[in-house]
Amino acid sequence: MSQHEIQSFDFDDVDHLMRNAELRNQLEPYFDEAICRVNVGAFSTAKENEFLESMLAWERAPVLPIAEWFDPPLSLPLPDTFSDDPQGNGDLHTLLWDTIYRLFEKRIVLDFTEHLTDRELYQLIFRDILPSEEKNLDSTESYLHWDCVDASRHPHIWLCYYASEEEREEWVREHNELAPSKKTPPHCRQLPRRPL
């Protein structure tokens, strides 16, 4: 090897290649056709390693109820504990926002909540989110987005409050019926968002 070749040789490349072989070996038990369809040739070895590391983290992550992502597990009072009087529900409002921020600390983002009252959102967290079994990824880059409207089950809510004009037009073409009138959501909230 000439002096010029030695100078241009990048020892980081060797480290990346060794790490790549190690990751591929660890991922071997999880390989399926979906993994084989990824065009890793489009990545540098370092970027491919990041991708393989994220795949390995996904495969190894435990599936747990979201309530058990917390230590101790997150337990909330029954929704019926709070009165139906909206003026007397300061405790519900405070607990709801505390819970929203606690969920966000575990990288759980609530999307499309502004059609729900505080009580309805609290019930959704209590009934649907906390018991839901999800992959608990130990990564600062991975966020779980919880769709609080479920457009497939409630298309009229989605169309009324959240859909863009393009999405509304596409829905009209697909369903051959008029979309509901666009409205401003009744409960404006500035929820914590995933950093860009």
Protein backbone atom coordinates (compact mmCIF):
# COMPACT_ATOMS: atom_id res chain seq x y z
CA MET A 1 0.00 0.00 0.00
CA SER A 2 1.48 3.35 -1.03
CA GLN A 3 1.88 6.32 1.31
CA HIS A 4 -1.00 8.10 -0.51
CA GLU A 5 -3.29 5.04 -0.11
CA ILE A 6 -2.47 4.85 3.61
CA GLN A 7 -3.28 8.55 4.05
CA SER A 8 -6.63 8.24 2.24
CA PHE A 9 -7.60 5.07 4.10
CA ASP A 10 -10.40 5.84 6.57
CA PHE A 11 -10.30 3.70 9.70
CA ASP A 12 -13.89 4.78 10.45
CA ASP A 13 -14.96 2.82 7.36
CA VAL A 14 -13.53 -0.34 8.88
CA ASP A 15 -15.40 0.32 12.13
CA HIS A 16 -18.64 0.91 10.18
CA LEU A 17 -18.18 -2.31 8.20
CA MET A 18 -17.46 -4.33 11.35
CA ARG A 19 -20.52 -2.83 13.08
CA ASN A 20 -22.59 -3.58 9.97
CA ALA A 21 -21.59 -7.25 10.05
CA GLU A 22 -22.36 -7.41 13.79
CA LEU A 23 -25.83 -5.83 13.31
CA ARG A 24 -26.69 -8.11 10.38
CA ASN A 25 -25.70 -11.11 12.48
CA GLN A 26 -27.92 -9.95 15.38
CA LEU A 27 -30.83 -9.28 13.00
CA GLU A 28 -30.59 -12.69 11.31
CA PRO A 29 -33.38 -14.30 13.41
CA TYR A 30 -35.75 -11.45 12.48
CA PHE A 31 -35.12 -11.34 8.73
CA ASP A 32 -38.20 -11.57 6.54
CA GLU A 33 -39.26 -10.38 3.09
CA ALA A 34 -40.06 -6.87 4.39
CA ILE A 35 -36.46 -6.39 5.53
CA CYS A 36 -35.12 -7.71 2.22
CA ARG A 37 -37.14 -5.12 0.24
CA VAL A 38 -35.24 -2.20 1.83
CA ASN A 39 -32.65 -0.79 -0.59
CA VAL A 40 -29.72 -0.44 1.79
CA GLY A 41 -27.45 0.22 -1.21
CA ALA A 42 -28.87 3.75 -1.25
CA PHE A 43 -27.32 4.42 2.19
CA SER A 44 -23.76 4.95 3.31
CA THR A 45 -22.57 2.19 5.64
CA ALA A 46 -22.92 4.55 8.62
CA LYS A 47 -26.55 5.40 7.66
CA GLU A 48 -27.31 1.74 6.99
CA ASN A 49 -26.02 0.95 10.49
CA GLU A 50 -28.37 3.57 11.99
CA PHE A 51 -31.26 1.95 10.11
CA LEU A 52 -30.24 -1.58 11.21
CA GLU A 53 -29.85 -0.40 14.82
CA SER A 54 -33.39 1.03 14.74
CA MET A 55 -34.70 -2.27 13.32
CA LEU A 56 -32.93 -4.24 16.03
CA ALA A 57 -34.28 -1.92 18.74
CA TRP A 58 -37.80 -2.41 17.33
CA GLU A 59 -37.48 -6.19 17.28
CA ARG A 60 -36.13 -6.35 20.83
CA ALA A 61 -38.47 -3.79 22.40
CA PRO A 62 -40.92 -5.27 24.89
CA VAL A 63 -44.65 -5.03 24.20
CA LEU A 64 -46.27 -3.57 27.32
CA PRO A 65 -49.46 -1.75 28.23
CA ILE A 66 -48.62 1.96 28.07
CA ALA A 67 -49.51 2.31 31.77
CA GLU A 68 -46.55 -0.03 32.49
CA TRP A 69 -44.09 2.19 30.65
CA PHE A 70 -44.05 4.18 33.90
CA ASP A 71 -42.42 3.25 37.20
CA PRO A 72 -44.62 2.80 39.12
CA PRO A 73 -47.28 2.03 36.48
CA LEU A 74 -49.48 5.03 35.66
CA SER A 75 -52.83 4.64 37.37
CA LEU A 76 -55.60 7.20 37.02
CA PRO A 77 -58.85 7.67 38.97
CA LEU A 78 -61.96 6.36 37.24
CA PRO A 79 -63.56 9.00 35.00
CA ASP A 80 -66.78 8.67 37.04
CA THR A 81 -64.86 10.05 40.03
CA PHE A 82 -65.28 13.54 38.57
CA SER A 83 -68.59 15.40 38.55
CA ASP A 84 -70.47 16.18 35.35
CA ASP A 85 -70.52 19.88 36.20
CA PRO A 86 -68.04 21.48 33.74
CA GLN A 87 -67.53 24.43 36.13
CA GLY A 88 -66.52 22.11 38.98
CA ASN A 89 -64.02 20.02 37.03
CA GLY A 90 -60.81 21.88 37.82
CA ASP A 91 -59.38 18.66 39.25
CA LEU A 92 -60.15 16.79 36.03
CA HIS A 93 -58.58 19.54 33.91
CA THR A 94 -55.43 19.61 36.07
CA LEU A 95 -55.10 15.81 36.11
CA LEU A 96 -55.71 15.61 32.36
CA TRP A 97 -52.89 18.06 31.59
CA ASP A 98 -50.57 16.37 34.08
CA THR A 99 -51.28 13.07 32.30
CA ILE A 100 -50.74 14.58 28.84
CA TYR A 101 -47.30 15.83 29.91
CA ARG A 102 -46.43 12.51 31.56
CA LEU A 103 -47.36 10.69 28.33
CA PHE A 104 -45.20 13.11 26.37
CA GLU A 105 -42.25 12.36 28.68
CA LYS A 106 -42.55 8.78 27.35
CA ARG A 107 -42.67 10.19 23.79
CA ILE A 108 -46.41 9.65 23.33
CA VAL A 109 -48.00 12.44 21.31
CA LEU A 110 -51.78 12.90 21.21
CA ASP A 111 -53.06 13.98 17.80
CA PHE A 112 -56.47 15.40 16.86
CA THR A 113 -57.93 16.07 20.31
CA GLU A 114 -59.72 19.36 19.77
CA HIS A 115 -63.17 17.87 19.09
CA LEU A 116 -63.09 16.21 22.55
CA THR A 117 -64.03 17.78 25.87
CA ASP A 118 -61.58 17.37 28.75
CA ARG A 119 -63.75 14.55 30.10
CA GLU A 120 -63.88 12.75 26.74
CA LEU A 121 -60.12 13.04 26.28
CA TYR A 122 -59.52 11.82 29.84
CA GLN A 123 -61.83 8.85 29.19
CA LEU A 124 -59.99 8.04 25.98
CA ILE A 125 -56.63 8.06 27.80
CA PHE A 126 -58.05 5.97 30.65
CA ARG A 127 -59.98 3.48 28.51
CA ASP A 128 -57.93 3.19 25.29
CA ILE A 129 -54.41 4.55 25.64
CA LEU A 130 -53.15 3.34 29.03
CA PRO A 131 -54.23 -0.30 28.55
CA SER A 132 -53.02 -0.44 24.93
CA GLU A 133 -50.11 -2.84 24.43
CA GLU A 134 -47.41 -1.14 22.39
CA LYS A 135 -43.70 -1.53 21.66
CA ASN A 136 -41.79 0.39 24.32
CA LEU A 137 -38.79 1.65 22.36
CA ASP A 138 -35.93 3.02 24.40
CA SER A 139 -35.04 5.76 21.93
CA THR A 140 -35.14 9.52 22.07
CA GLU A 141 -35.96 9.58 18.34
CA SER A 142 -39.00 7.32 18.46
CA TYR A 143 -42.44 8.83 19.15
CA LEU A 144 -45.79 7.09 19.36
CA HIS A 145 -48.53 9.22 17.81
CA TRP A 146 -52.00 8.42 19.14
CA ASP A 147 -54.76 9.35 16.69
CA CYS A 148 -57.63 10.53 18.89
CA VAL A 149 -60.17 10.68 16.07
CA ASP A 150 -59.64 7.44 14.07
CA ALA A 151 -60.73 8.70 10.65
CA SER A 152 -61.60 5.19 9.45
CA ARG A 153 -64.25 4.80 12.17
CA HIS A 154 -65.31 8.46 12.41
CA PRO A 155 -64.78 10.00 8.97
CA HIS A 156 -67.28 12.80 9.56
CA ILE A 157 -65.38 14.07 12.62
CA TRP A 158 -62.13 13.93 10.66
CA LEU A 159 -63.65 15.72 7.67
CA CYS A 160 -65.42 18.32 9.79
CA TYR A 161 -62.48 19.37 11.97
CA TYR A 162 -59.11 18.12 10.68
CA ALA A 163 -59.01 17.14 7.01
CA SER A 164 -57.31 19.42 4.52
CA GLU A 165 -59.24 20.61 1.45
CA GLU A 166 -57.36 18.06 -0.66
CA GLU A 167 -58.29 15.24 1.74
CA ARG A 168 -61.92 16.38 1.76
CA GLU A 169 -62.02 16.44 -2.06
CA GLU A 170 -60.45 12.99 -2.26
CA TRP A 171 -63.03 11.64 0.21
CA VAL A 172 -65.88 13.13 -1.87
CA ARG A 173 -64.49 11.45 -5.02
CA GLU A 174 -64.09 8.08 -3.27
CA HIS A 175 -67.49 8.07 -1.52
CA ASN A 176 -69.55 10.00 -4.02
CA GLU A 177 -71.26 12.07 -1.34
CA LEU A 178 -70.91 15.54 0.12
CA ALA A 179 -68.45 16.10 2.94
CA PRO A 180 -69.77 17.71 6.13
CA SER A 181 -69.21 21.43 6.53
CA LYS A 182 -65.79 22.47 7.78
CA LYS A 183 -65.90 23.71 11.40
CA THR A 184 -63.49 25.08 13.96
CA PRO A 185 -62.82 22.49 16.67
CA PRO A 186 -64.58 23.50 19.91
CA HIS A 187 -61.70 22.74 22.33
CA CYS A 188 -58.49 24.43 21.24
CA ARG A 189 -55.43 22.85 22.92
CA GLN A 190 -51.73 23.52 22.59
CA LEU A 191 -50.46 20.01 23.26
CA PRO A 192 -46.76 19.17 23.47
CA ARG A 193 -45.49 18.20 20.02
CA ARG A 194 -42.62 16.13 18.78
CA PRO A 195 -39.62 18.42 18.19
CA LEU A 196 -38.83 18.96 14.50
